[in-house]
């Protein structure tokens, strides 16, 4: 069963930074896992969400390397995609992130991402950071690397 198979039509997901990076930069191992999920978002089968923290994280390397083309692609995906909502850090998200950070000892960025997922009503958080996000109880954390070799189109 691939990652996309775990996500029912009509679901709402949060795409963590690593999942976005795998898609945009066409990561050899992880693109086959995340691409079907992104296609579900693009077609409107599911809705996606991201935090402004995710925007910050994905822009660092392209800006450091002066890759304006790559930075522009990330900005376009996160700010102009029809079925993806970019959430600013609101006081409600900050309060929820503080509670998550206190209870589960996540870093501030991870706590903000988890809080954003909860505030947006997401059923799933798609990430490759299962070590940290695996501590939270909700939303359900789907770890990309656990689906390598089982995505749609694989012959395994």
Foldseek 3Di string as FASTA:
>chain_A
DAPLVVAAFAAEEEEALVLVCCCLVVPPQQNLRSVVVVVCQLVNRYAYEYEVLSLVVNQVVCVVVVVVVSNVVSCCCQPPRPRYDYDYDDVQLVVQLVVCCVPQVAPSSVSSGQSRCVVVVGQEYEEQPCVRVVSDDDNHYDHRVVRGQPGPPRPD
